Amino acid sequence: MKKWLIVFSLLSGFVQAETAIFSAQLPDLKNKIQAISQWKGKPMIVNFWATWCGPCREEIPEFIALQKQYAGKVQFIGIAIDEQKDVAAFSKQYGINYPILIGEANAMELMRKEGNQLGGLPFTAIYNAKGERIAIELGRLKKEKLENYLKELTRK
């Protein structure tokens, strides 16, 4: 019996880690709380970033283009580790076409739960339509590499 309790507790920890992103709720650019779970059901690309992060600034235009290319098939979500006013100005300047959520300490903890123990930016977690995390990338995610994930995730 003791052995089964240990196995169950280990499995419950794994399930919690895998679903942490879907239990998160963060404010959007209008300060309205958004549940990340609302986008479950299609592949998701969740990108943690900041306006002051050079590699983030490089990859965001590619994310914008890929969100447009895969509209209706994949959902990009940006979680900014930054001030709301800076993020709003940045989003407008770059023409970000996917949901942007504002995170501070909560987002840093969420990022750790999703596999980023170093707390570095940018950090991207990729989920399939079932909500299973299939990959994480710390640092700038090159468009070609992300496109390979997207092609696999959207293949019927």
N, C-alpha and C. Protein backbone atom coordinates (compact mmCIF):
# COMPACT_ATOMS: atom_id res chain seq x y z
N MET A 1 0.83 -1.20 0.00
CA MET A 1 0.00 0.00 0.00
C MET A 1 0.87 1.26 0.00
N LYS A 2 1.91 1.23 0.81
CA LYS A 2 2.81 2.36 0.91
C LYS A 2 3.45 2.66 -0.45
N LYS A 3 3.81 1.59 -1.15
CA LYS A 3 4.43 1.72 -2.47
C LYS A 3 3.48 2.44 -3.44
N TRP A 4 2.20 2.10 -3.41
CA TRP A 4 1.22 2.73 -4.30
C TRP A 4 1.02 4.20 -3.96
N LEU A 5 1.07 4.54 -2.69
CA LEU A 5 0.93 5.94 -2.29
C LEU A 5 2.09 6.77 -2.82
N ILE A 6 3.28 6.21 -2.78
CA ILE A 6 4.45 6.92 -3.30
C ILE A 6 4.31 7.12 -4.80
N VAL A 7 3.92 6.08 -5.52
CA VAL A 7 3.73 6.18 -6.98
C VAL A 7 2.67 7.22 -7.29
N PHE A 8 1.54 7.19 -6.56
CA PHE A 8 0.46 8.14 -6.80
C PHE A 8 0.92 9.57 -6.54
N SER A 9 1.67 9.79 -5.47
CA SER A 9 2.11 11.16 -5.17
C SER A 9 3.10 11.64 -6.22
N LEU A 10 3.94 10.76 -6.73
CA LEU A 10 4.86 11.15 -7.80
C LEU A 10 4.09 11.50 -9.07
N LEU A 11 3.09 10.69 -9.40
CA LEU A 11 2.28 10.95 -10.59
C LEU A 11 1.48 12.24 -10.44
N SER A 12 0.95 12.51 -9.24
CA SER A 12 0.18 13.73 -9.06
C SER A 12 1.05 14.96 -9.24
N GLY A 13 2.30 14.89 -8.79
CA GLY A 13 3.22 16.00 -8.99
C GLY A 13 3.48 16.22 -10.46
N PHE A 14 3.61 15.14 -11.22
CA PHE A 14 3.85 15.24 -12.66
C PHE A 14 2.65 15.87 -13.35
N VAL A 15 1.46 15.45 -13.00
CA VAL A 15 0.24 16.00 -13.60
C VAL A 15 0.13 17.49 -13.27
N GLN A 16 0.43 17.87 -12.02
CA GLN A 16 0.37 19.28 -11.65
C GLN A 16 1.34 20.10 -12.49
N ALA A 17 2.55 19.60 -12.67
CA ALA A 17 3.54 20.33 -13.47
C ALA A 17 3.05 20.47 -14.90
N GLU A 18 2.44 19.43 -15.43
CA GLU A 18 1.98 19.47 -16.81
C GLU A 18 0.78 20.40 -17.00
N THR A 19 -0.01 20.60 -15.97
CA THR A 19 -1.21 21.40 -16.13
C THR A 19 -1.09 22.78 -15.48
N ALA A 20 0.05 23.14 -14.96
CA ALA A 20 0.22 24.44 -14.30
C ALA A 20 -0.19 25.59 -15.21
N ILE A 21 0.20 25.52 -16.46
CA ILE A 21 -0.11 26.60 -17.39
C ILE A 21 -1.62 26.76 -17.56
N PHE A 22 -2.35 25.66 -17.55
CA PHE A 22 -3.79 25.72 -17.80
C PHE A 22 -4.61 26.13 -16.58
N SER A 23 -3.98 26.18 -15.42
CA SER A 23 -4.69 26.69 -14.25
C SER A 23 -4.34 28.16 -13.98
N ALA A 24 -3.43 28.71 -14.79
CA ALA A 24 -3.00 30.09 -14.59
C ALA A 24 -4.02 31.09 -15.11
N GLN A 25 -4.12 32.19 -14.40
CA GLN A 25 -4.96 33.31 -14.81
C GLN A 25 -4.14 34.59 -14.62
N LEU A 26 -4.03 35.36 -15.70
CA LEU A 26 -3.22 36.57 -15.66
C LEU A 26 -3.98 37.71 -16.34
N PRO A 27 -3.67 38.95 -15.96
CA PRO A 27 -4.35 40.08 -16.61
C PRO A 27 -3.84 40.32 -18.03
N ASP A 28 -4.75 40.76 -18.90
CA ASP A 28 -4.37 41.13 -20.26
C ASP A 28 -3.99 42.61 -20.29
N LEU A 29 -3.83 43.17 -21.47
CA LEU A 29 -3.40 44.57 -21.60
C LEU A 29 -4.44 45.56 -21.09
N LYS A 30 -5.70 45.11 -20.95
CA LYS A 30 -6.76 45.97 -20.42
C LYS A 30 -7.03 45.66 -18.95
N ASN A 31 -6.13 44.89 -18.35
CA ASN A 31 -6.21 44.49 -16.94
C ASN A 31 -7.38 43.56 -16.63
N LYS A 32 -7.89 42.88 -17.66
CA LYS A 32 -8.95 41.89 -17.47
C LYS A 32 -8.28 40.53 -17.29
N ILE A 33 -8.69 39.81 -16.26
CA ILE A 33 -8.10 38.51 -15.97
C ILE A 33 -8.50 37.50 -17.04
N GLN A 34 -7.51 36.82 -17.58
CA GLN A 34 -7.73 35.81 -18.62
C GLN A 34 -7.22 34.46 -18.14
N ALA A 35 -8.04 33.44 -18.31
CA ALA A 35 -7.64 32.07 -17.98
C ALA A 35 -6.95 31.48 -19.21
N ILE A 36 -5.76 30.98 -19.03
CA ILE A 36 -5.03 30.39 -20.17
C ILE A 36 -5.78 29.16 -20.69
N SER A 37 -6.53 28.51 -19.84
CA SER A 37 -7.28 27.31 -20.25
C SER A 37 -8.28 27.59 -21.37
N GLN A 38 -8.67 28.85 -21.57
CA GLN A 38 -9.63 29.17 -22.63
C GLN A 38 -9.08 28.85 -24.02
N TRP A 39 -7.76 28.74 -24.14
CA TRP A 39 -7.16 28.45 -25.45
C TRP A 39 -6.79 26.98 -25.62
N LYS A 40 -7.10 26.18 -24.62
CA LYS A 40 -6.81 24.74 -24.73
C LYS A 40 -7.71 24.15 -25.81
N GLY A 41 -7.21 23.16 -26.53
CA GLY A 41 -8.00 22.52 -27.58
C GLY A 41 -7.34 22.65 -28.94
N LYS A 42 -6.36 23.53 -29.02
CA LYS A 42 -5.55 23.62 -30.23
C LYS A 42 -4.11 23.79 -29.76
N PRO A 43 -3.16 23.49 -30.61
CA PRO A 43 -1.76 23.66 -30.20
C PRO A 43 -1.51 25.10 -29.73
N MET A 44 -0.70 25.22 -28.69
CA MET A 44 -0.39 26.53 -28.11
C MET A 44 1.12 26.74 -28.04
N ILE A 45 1.51 27.96 -28.35
CA ILE A 45 2.89 28.40 -28.19
C ILE A 45 2.83 29.49 -27.13
N VAL A 46 3.39 29.22 -25.95
CA VAL A 46 3.36 30.19 -24.86
C VAL A 46 4.77 30.74 -24.70
N ASN A 47 4.88 32.05 -24.92
CA ASN A 47 6.18 32.71 -24.90
C ASN A 47 6.26 33.70 -23.75
N PHE A 48 7.22 33.49 -22.87
CA PHE A 48 7.52 34.42 -21.77
C PHE A 48 8.58 35.38 -22.29
N TRP A 49 8.36 36.68 -22.13
CA TRP A 49 9.23 37.68 -22.73
C TRP A 49 9.18 38.99 -21.96
N ALA A 50 10.02 39.93 -22.38
CA ALA A 50 10.03 41.28 -21.80
C ALA A 50 10.41 42.28 -22.89
N THR A 51 9.95 43.52 -22.74
CA THR A 51 10.23 44.54 -23.74
C THR A 51 11.71 44.88 -23.82
N TRP A 52 12.42 44.71 -22.74
CA TRP A 52 13.85 45.06 -22.66
C TRP A 52 14.77 43.91 -23.11
N CYS A 53 14.19 42.79 -23.48
CA CYS A 53 14.95 41.58 -23.84
C CYS A 53 15.24 41.57 -25.34
N GLY A 54 16.52 41.69 -25.71
CA GLY A 54 16.93 41.72 -27.12
C GLY A 54 16.47 40.52 -27.93
N PRO A 55 16.74 39.28 -27.47
CA PRO A 55 16.29 38.11 -28.22
C PRO A 55 14.76 38.04 -28.34
N CYS A 56 14.05 38.55 -27.35
CA CYS A 56 12.58 38.58 -27.42
C CYS A 56 12.14 39.48 -28.57
N ARG A 57 12.79 40.63 -28.69
CA ARG A 57 12.47 41.58 -29.75
C ARG A 57 12.73 40.99 -31.13
N GLU A 58 13.70 40.09 -31.22
CA GLU A 58 14.02 39.45 -32.50
C GLU A 58 12.98 38.40 -32.89
N GLU A 59 12.49 37.63 -31.91
CA GLU A 59 11.59 36.53 -32.25
C GLU A 59 10.12 36.94 -32.36
N ILE A 60 9.72 38.01 -31.73
CA ILE A 60 8.31 38.40 -31.74
C ILE A 60 7.78 38.68 -33.15
N PRO A 61 8.50 39.39 -34.02
CA PRO A 61 7.98 39.56 -35.39
C PRO A 61 7.75 38.22 -36.11
N GLU A 62 8.59 37.24 -35.82
CA GLU A 62 8.40 35.91 -36.43
C GLU A 62 7.15 35.24 -35.85
N PHE A 63 6.92 35.41 -34.55
CA PHE A 63 5.71 34.85 -33.92
C PHE A 63 4.47 35.49 -34.54
N ILE A 64 4.53 36.80 -34.78
CA ILE A 64 3.40 37.51 -35.39
C ILE A 64 3.10 36.92 -36.77
N ALA A 65 4.13 36.71 -37.57
CA ALA A 65 3.96 36.14 -38.91
C ALA A 65 3.42 34.72 -38.84
N LEU A 66 3.93 33.92 -37.90
CA LEU A 66 3.47 32.53 -37.78
C LEU A 66 2.04 32.46 -37.24
N GLN A 67 1.67 33.38 -36.34
CA GLN A 67 0.29 33.40 -35.85
C GLN A 67 -0.66 33.69 -37.01
N LYS A 68 -0.25 34.59 -37.88
CA LYS A 68 -1.06 34.92 -39.07
C LYS A 68 -1.14 33.71 -40.00
N GLN A 69 -0.01 33.08 -40.24
CA GLN A 69 0.06 31.92 -41.15
C GLN A 69 -0.76 30.74 -40.63
N TYR A 70 -0.75 30.52 -39.32
CA TYR A 70 -1.44 29.37 -38.72
C TYR A 70 -2.73 29.78 -37.99
N ALA A 71 -3.30 30.91 -38.39
CA ALA A 71 -4.53 31.40 -37.75
C ALA A 71 -5.61 30.31 -37.73
N GLY A 72 -6.22 30.13 -36.58
CA GLY A 72 -7.28 29.13 -36.43
C GLY A 72 -6.76 27.72 -36.16
N LYS A 73 -5.47 27.48 -36.38
CA LYS A 73 -4.90 26.15 -36.16
C LYS A 73 -4.00 26.10 -34.93
N VAL A 74 -3.37 27.22 -34.60
CA VAL A 74 -2.43 27.31 -33.49
C VAL A 74 -2.69 28.60 -32.75
N GLN A 75 -2.48 28.61 -31.44
CA GLN A 75 -2.66 29.83 -30.67
C GLN A 75 -1.36 30.22 -29.99
N PHE A 76 -0.84 31.38 -30.37
CA PHE A 76 0.30 31.96 -29.66
C PHE A 76 -0.24 32.76 -28.49
N ILE A 77 0.49 32.75 -27.38
CA ILE A 77 0.16 33.55 -26.20
C ILE A 77 1.47 34.12 -25.67
N GLY A 78 1.50 35.41 -25.47
CA GLY A 78 2.68 36.05 -24.90
C GLY A 78 2.43 36.37 -23.43
N ILE A 79 3.38 36.03 -22.59
CA ILE A 79 3.30 36.40 -21.17
C ILE A 79 4.49 37.30 -20.88
N ALA A 80 4.19 38.58 -20.70
CA ALA A 80 5.23 39.58 -20.52
C ALA A 80 5.62 39.70 -19.04
N ILE A 81 6.91 39.66 -18.82
CA ILE A 81 7.45 39.87 -17.48
C ILE A 81 7.90 41.33 -17.47
N ASP A 82 6.95 42.22 -17.32
CA ASP A 82 7.22 43.63 -17.56
C ASP A 82 6.06 44.47 -17.03
N GLU A 83 6.20 45.78 -17.14
CA GLU A 83 5.17 46.73 -16.74
C GLU A 83 4.09 46.82 -17.81
N GLN A 84 2.84 46.91 -17.40
CA GLN A 84 1.70 46.94 -18.32
C GLN A 84 1.82 48.05 -19.36
N LYS A 85 2.18 49.27 -18.95
CA LYS A 85 2.24 50.39 -19.90
C LYS A 85 3.33 50.17 -20.95
N ASP A 86 4.47 49.61 -20.55
CA ASP A 86 5.55 49.33 -21.50
C ASP A 86 5.13 48.24 -22.49
N VAL A 87 4.46 47.23 -21.97
CA VAL A 87 4.02 46.11 -22.81
C VAL A 87 2.96 46.58 -23.80
N ALA A 88 2.04 47.41 -23.35
CA ALA A 88 0.98 47.93 -24.23
C ALA A 88 1.58 48.75 -25.38
N ALA A 89 2.54 49.61 -25.07
CA ALA A 89 3.18 50.42 -26.11
C ALA A 89 3.95 49.53 -27.08
N PHE A 90 4.68 48.57 -26.56
CA PHE A 90 5.45 47.63 -27.38
C PHE A 90 4.52 46.84 -28.30
N SER A 91 3.44 46.31 -27.74
CA SER A 91 2.48 45.51 -28.51
C SER A 91 1.88 46.30 -29.66
N LYS A 92 1.56 47.55 -29.39
CA LYS A 92 1.00 48.42 -30.43
C LYS A 92 2.05 48.71 -31.51
N GLN A 93 3.26 49.03 -31.10
CA GLN A 93 4.34 49.34 -32.03
C GLN A 93 4.64 48.16 -32.96
N TYR A 94 4.66 46.95 -32.40
CA TYR A 94 5.00 45.76 -33.17
C TYR A 94 3.80 45.14 -33.88
N GLY A 95 2.59 45.55 -33.49
CA GLY A 95 1.38 44.99 -34.10
C GLY A 95 1.15 43.54 -33.71
N ILE A 96 1.35 43.24 -32.44
CA ILE A 96 1.19 41.86 -31.97
C ILE A 96 -0.26 41.43 -32.17
N ASN A 97 -0.44 40.28 -32.82
CA ASN A 97 -1.76 39.79 -33.22
C ASN A 97 -2.22 38.56 -32.42
N TYR A 98 -1.67 38.39 -31.24
CA TYR A 98 -2.07 37.29 -30.37
C TYR A 98 -2.20 37.82 -28.95
N PRO A 99 -2.88 37.08 -28.07
CA PRO A 99 -3.10 37.58 -26.72
C PRO A 99 -1.79 37.80 -25.95
N ILE A 100 -1.74 38.95 -25.28
CA ILE A 100 -0.61 39.28 -24.41
C ILE A 100 -1.15 39.40 -22.99
N LEU A 101 -0.51 38.65 -22.10
CA LEU A 101 -0.86 38.69 -20.69
C LEU A 101 0.30 39.30 -19.92
N ILE A 102 -0.02 39.93 -18.82
CA ILE A 102 1.00 40.60 -18.00
C ILE A 102 1.28 39.74 -16.77
N GLY A 103 2.54 39.43 -16.59
CA GLY A 103 2.92 38.63 -15.43
C GLY A 103 4.07 39.29 -14.70
N GLU A 104 4.10 39.05 -13.43
CA GLU A 104 5.23 39.52 -12.62
C GLU A 104 5.72 38.32 -11.86
N ALA A 105 5.64 38.35 -10.54
CA ALA A 105 6.11 37.22 -9.73
C ALA A 105 5.34 35.94 -10.08
N ASN A 106 4.04 36.06 -10.33
CA ASN A 106 3.23 34.88 -10.69
C ASN A 106 3.75 34.23 -11.97
N ALA A 107 4.10 35.05 -12.94
CA ALA A 107 4.59 34.51 -14.21
C ALA A 107 5.96 33.89 -14.06
N MET A 108 6.80 34.45 -13.21
CA MET A 108 8.12 33.86 -12.97
C MET A 108 7.96 32.48 -12.36
N GLU A 109 7.04 32.33 -11.42
CA GLU A 109 6.79 31.03 -10.80
C GLU A 109 6.19 30.06 -11.81
N LEU A 110 5.29 30.54 -12.64
CA LEU A 110 4.68 29.71 -13.68
C LEU A 110 5.75 29.24 -14.66
N MET A 111 6.65 30.12 -15.02
CA MET A 111 7.73 29.77 -15.93
C MET A 111 8.61 28.66 -15.33
N ARG A 112 8.89 28.74 -14.04
CA ARG A 112 9.67 27.70 -13.38
C ARG A 112 8.93 26.36 -13.41
N LYS A 113 7.62 26.40 -13.15
CA LYS A 113 6.82 25.17 -13.17
C LYS A 113 6.78 24.56 -14.56
N GLU A 114 6.94 25.38 -15.58
CA GLU A 114 6.91 24.89 -16.96
C GLU A 114 8.28 24.45 -17.45
N GLY A 115 9.29 24.51 -16.59
CA GLY A 115 10.59 23.94 -16.94
C GLY A 115 11.75 24.92 -17.02
N ASN A 116 11.53 26.19 -16.79
CA ASN A 116 12.60 27.18 -16.85
C ASN A 116 13.13 27.45 -15.45
N GLN A 117 14.03 26.61 -15.00
CA GLN A 117 14.58 26.75 -13.65
C GLN A 117 15.53 27.94 -13.53
N LEU A 118 16.10 28.39 -14.64
CA LEU A 118 17.04 29.51 -14.62
C LEU A 118 16.35 30.87 -14.59
N GLY A 119 15.11 30.93 -15.04
CA GLY A 119 14.39 32.20 -15.07
C GLY A 119 14.81 33.12 -16.20
N GLY A 120 15.51 32.57 -17.21
CA GLY A 120 15.97 33.38 -18.33
C GLY A 120 14.86 33.65 -19.34
N LEU A 121 15.07 34.69 -20.13
CA LEU A 121 14.14 35.07 -21.18
C LEU A 121 14.88 35.18 -22.50
N PRO A 122 14.20 34.96 -23.61
CA PRO A 122 12.83 34.46 -23.72
C PRO A 122 12.77 32.97 -23.38
N PHE A 123 11.57 32.54 -23.05
CA PHE A 123 11.32 31.14 -22.75
C PHE A 123 10.00 30.77 -23.41
N THR A 124 10.01 29.69 -24.18
CA THR A 124 8.82 29.28 -24.92
C THR A 124 8.47 27.83 -24.59
N ALA A 125 7.20 27.60 -24.29
CA ALA A 125 6.70 26.26 -24.04
C ALA A 125 5.68 25.95 -25.14
N ILE A 126 5.78 24.75 -25.69
CA ILE A 126 4.92 24.34 -26.81
C ILE A 126 4.04 23.18 -26.37
N TYR A 127 2.73 23.30 -26.63
CA TYR A 127 1.74 22.31 -26.21
C TYR A 127 0.98 21.80 -27.42
N ASN A 128 0.63 20.52 -27.37
CA ASN A 128 -0.22 19.98 -28.44
C ASN A 128 -1.68 20.30 -28.10
N ALA A 129 -2.60 19.89 -28.96
CA ALA A 129 -4.02 20.21 -28.78
C ALA A 129 -4.61 19.55 -27.53
N LYS A 130 -3.98 18.49 -27.04
CA LYS A 130 -4.46 17.83 -25.82
C LYS A 130 -3.98 18.55 -24.56
N GLY A 131 -3.14 19.55 -24.74
CA GLY A 131 -2.61 20.29 -23.59
C GLY A 131 -1.34 19.69 -23.02
N GLU A 132 -0.73 18.77 -23.75
CA GLU A 132 0.52 18.16 -23.29
C GLU A 132 1.69 19.00 -23.76
N ARG A 133 2.58 19.31 -22.83
CA ARG A 133 3.77 20.07 -23.20
C ARG A 133 4.69 19.15 -23.99
N ILE A 134 5.04 19.56 -25.21
CA ILE A 134 5.88 18.71 -26.05
C ILE A 134 7.30 19.23 -26.17
N ALA A 135 7.50 20.51 -25.84
CA ALA A 135 8.85 21.07 -25.94
C ALA A 135 8.95 22.36 -25.14
N ILE A 136 10.15 22.65 -24.69
CA ILE A 136 10.45 23.95 -24.09
C ILE A 136 11.74 24.44 -24.71
N GLU A 137 11.83 25.74 -24.85
CA GLU A 137 13.01 26.36 -25.44
C GLU A 137 13.39 27.58 -24.60
N LEU A 138 14.61 27.57 -24.05
CA LEU A 138 15.13 28.72 -23.33
C LEU A 138 16.04 29.47 -24.29
N GLY A 139 15.79 30.75 -24.46
CA GLY A 139 16.55 31.55 -25.41
C GLY A 139 15.75 31.76 -26.68
N ARG A 140 16.35 32.48 -27.60
CA ARG A 140 15.65 32.82 -28.84
C ARG A 140 15.29 31.56 -29.61
N LEU A 141 14.03 31.45 -29.97
CA LEU A 141 13.54 30.31 -30.74
C LEU A 141 13.53 30.71 -32.21
N LYS A 142 14.36 30.07 -33.01
CA LYS A 142 14.46 30.38 -34.43
C LYS A 142 13.19 29.97 -35.17
N LYS A 143 12.80 30.76 -36.13
CA LYS A 143 11.57 30.54 -36.89
C LYS A 143 11.54 29.15 -37.52
N GLU A 144 12.65 28.71 -38.09
CA GLU A 144 12.69 27.41 -38.76
C GLU A 144 12.40 26.27 -37.79
N LYS A 145 12.96 26.35 -36.60
CA LYS A 145 12.75 25.30 -35.60
C LYS A 145 11.28 25.30 -35.15
N LEU A 146 10.74 26.49 -34.92
CA LEU A 146 9.34 26.59 -34.51
C LEU A 146 8.42 26.09 -35.62
N GLU A 147 8.73 26.41 -36.86
CA GLU A 147 7.91 25.94 -37.97
C GLU A 147 7.87 24.42 -38.04
N ASN A 148 8.98 23.77 -37.72
CA ASN A 148 8.99 22.30 -37.69
C ASN A 148 8.00 21.78 -36.65
N TYR A 149 7.97 22.39 -35.47
CA TYR A 149 6.99 22.01 -34.45
C TYR A 149 5.58 22.25 -34.96
N LEU A 150 5.35 23.42 -35.56
CA LEU A 150 4.00 23.78 -36.01
C LEU A 150 3.50 22.84 -37.12
N LYS A 151 4.39 22.49 -38.04
CA LYS A 151 3.98 21.56 -39.10
C LYS A 151 3.56 20.22 -38.51
N GLU A 152 4.31 19.75 -37.54
CA GLU A 152 3.99 18.47 -36.89
C GLU A 152 2.68 18.59 -36.10
N LEU A 153 2.50 19.68 -35.38
CA LEU A 153 1.30 19.86 -34.56
C LEU A 153 0.02 20.03 -35.37
N THR A 154 0.15 20.55 -36.58
CA THR A 154 -1.04 20.82 -37.39
C THR A 154 -1.27 19.80 -38.48
N ARG A 155 -0.41 18.79 -38.54
CA ARG A 155 -0.57 17.74 -39.54
C ARG A 155 -1.75 16.88 -39.17
N LYS A 156 -2.61 16.60 -40.12
CA LYS A 156 -3.81 15.78 -39.86
C LYS A 156 -3.58 14.35 -40.22
